[in-house]
Amino acid sequence: MSNAKDVTDASFADDVLNSSDTIMEDFWAEWCGPCRAVSQILDQIASEHSEQIKIVKLNVDDNPQMAMKYQLTSIPAMKVFRGGEVVKTVIGAKPKPALEADLAEFLA
């Protein structure tokens, strides 16, 4: 489905919270059509801006702890982390130009 690294409840701290990179976590589920649509766009953004942002994915059905911790009520949900803190949240599938606009401060 995606080229993004899969993150789990168990690996979340190492892969996201303890990373020195700017990380965008894509919270998704297999059954979610909008999640599949946005996944392709995130892959494009990741390849075009690999120096600025890393995109990783967490399946909320398989990893409910992080979904509960971040109080996700809707997917797709994308959270940008810097220094272990959420610095931006994007909810819902959007076309590439809208996602790039939401992420402009991280892609510059």
Protein backbone atom coordinates (compact mmCIF):
# COMPACT_ATOMS: atom_id res chain seq x y z
CA MET A 1 0.00 0.00 0.00
CA SER A 2 2.72 2.48 0.91
CA ASN A 3 6.47 2.88 1.01
CA ALA A 4 6.29 4.55 4.44
CA LYS A 5 7.75 2.73 7.41
CA ASP A 6 5.23 0.90 9.57
CA VAL A 7 5.26 1.92 13.23
CA THR A 8 3.62 -0.04 16.04
CA ASP A 9 2.57 0.72 19.60
CA ALA A 10 5.80 -0.99 20.70
CA SER A 11 8.09 0.93 18.32
CA PHE A 12 6.36 4.32 18.51
CA ALA A 13 8.68 5.84 21.12
CA ASP A 14 11.85 4.84 19.24
CA ASP A 15 10.53 5.61 15.74
CA VAL A 16 8.68 8.84 16.47
CA LEU A 17 9.09 10.35 19.92
CA ASN A 18 12.86 9.83 20.24
CA SER A 19 13.68 10.78 16.65
CA SER A 20 15.64 13.93 15.90
CA ASP A 21 13.85 14.16 12.54
CA THR A 22 10.57 15.86 11.78
CA ILE A 23 8.17 12.93 11.59
CA MET A 24 4.66 12.83 10.16
CA GLU A 25 2.70 9.93 11.60
CA ASP A 26 -0.14 8.74 9.38
CA PHE A 27 -2.80 7.04 11.50
CA TRP A 28 -4.81 4.78 9.19
CA ALA A 29 -6.80 1.53 8.86
CA GLU A 30 -7.00 -1.10 6.14
CA TRP A 31 -10.77 -0.62 5.62
CA CYS A 32 -10.51 3.19 5.28
CA GLY A 33 -10.86 4.31 1.64
CA PRO A 34 -9.75 7.91 2.31
CA CYS A 35 -6.69 6.51 4.12
CA ARG A 36 -5.68 4.60 1.01
CA ALA A 37 -6.14 7.70 -1.14
CA VAL A 38 -4.05 9.94 1.11
CA SER A 39 -1.36 7.25 1.45
CA GLN A 40 -0.38 7.68 -2.20
CA ILE A 41 -0.14 11.44 -1.76
CA LEU A 42 1.97 11.06 1.39
CA ASP A 43 4.32 8.73 -0.50
CA GLN A 44 4.81 11.46 -3.13
CA ILE A 45 5.42 14.13 -0.49
CA ALA A 46 7.87 11.84 1.33
CA SER A 47 9.90 11.19 -1.80
CA GLU A 48 9.91 14.85 -2.86
CA HIS A 49 10.80 16.18 0.61
CA SER A 50 12.84 13.35 2.15
CA GLU A 51 15.35 15.82 3.62
CA GLN A 52 12.68 17.82 5.44
CA ILE A 53 10.17 15.26 6.72
CA LYS A 54 9.89 11.52 7.30
CA ILE A 55 6.48 9.90 6.94
CA VAL A 56 5.60 6.79 8.91
CA LYS A 57 2.32 4.87 9.30
CA LEU A 58 0.47 3.33 12.22
CA ASN A 59 -2.48 1.00 11.67
CA VAL A 60 -4.98 2.01 14.38
CA ASP A 61 -6.76 -1.36 14.30
CA ASP A 62 -3.54 -3.25 15.02
CA ASN A 63 -2.14 -0.61 17.40
CA PRO A 64 -4.96 0.86 19.49
CA GLN A 65 -2.75 2.24 22.29
CA MET A 66 -1.39 5.15 20.26
CA ALA A 67 -4.81 5.86 18.75
CA MET A 68 -6.21 6.15 22.27
CA LYS A 69 -3.24 8.17 23.56
CA TYR A 70 -3.68 10.78 20.85
CA GLN A 71 -7.50 10.68 21.14
CA LEU A 72 -8.12 9.90 17.49
CA THR A 73 -11.79 9.96 16.58
CA SER A 74 -11.41 10.19 12.81
CA ILE A 75 -9.00 8.78 10.25
CA PRO A 76 -7.00 9.47 8.26
CA ALA A 77 -5.30 11.57 10.89
CA MET A 78 -1.78 12.85 10.46
CA LYS A 79 0.31 14.30 13.25
CA VAL A 80 3.66 16.00 12.80
CA PHE A 81 6.15 15.42 15.63
CA ARG A 82 9.27 17.39 16.47
CA GLY A 83 11.29 16.58 19.54
CA GLY A 84 8.67 14.10 20.70
CA GLU A 85 5.86 16.68 20.66
CA VAL A 86 2.91 17.07 18.30
CA VAL A 87 3.40 20.34 16.44
CA LYS A 88 0.69 19.95 13.77
CA THR A 89 -2.43 17.84 13.23
CA VAL A 90 -4.14 17.27 9.89
CA ILE A 91 -7.44 15.39 9.82
CA GLY A 92 -9.02 13.87 6.73
CA ALA A 93 -7.99 13.11 3.18
CA LYS A 94 -6.98 16.13 1.14
CA PRO A 95 -5.56 16.64 -2.34
CA LYS A 96 -1.81 17.02 -2.59
CA PRO A 97 -1.77 20.85 -2.90
CA ALA A 98 -3.86 21.17 0.28
CA LEU A 99 -1.63 18.77 2.21
CA GLU A 100 1.48 20.57 1.00
CA ALA A 101 -0.05 23.87 2.14
CA ASP A 102 -0.78 22.35 5.57
CA LEU A 103 2.83 21.14 5.76
CA ALA A 104 4.49 24.19 4.18
CA GLU A 105 6.34 25.19 7.36
CA PHE A 106 7.98 21.74 7.50
CA LEU A 107 8.72 21.38 3.77
CA ALA A 108 10.59 24.67 3.30
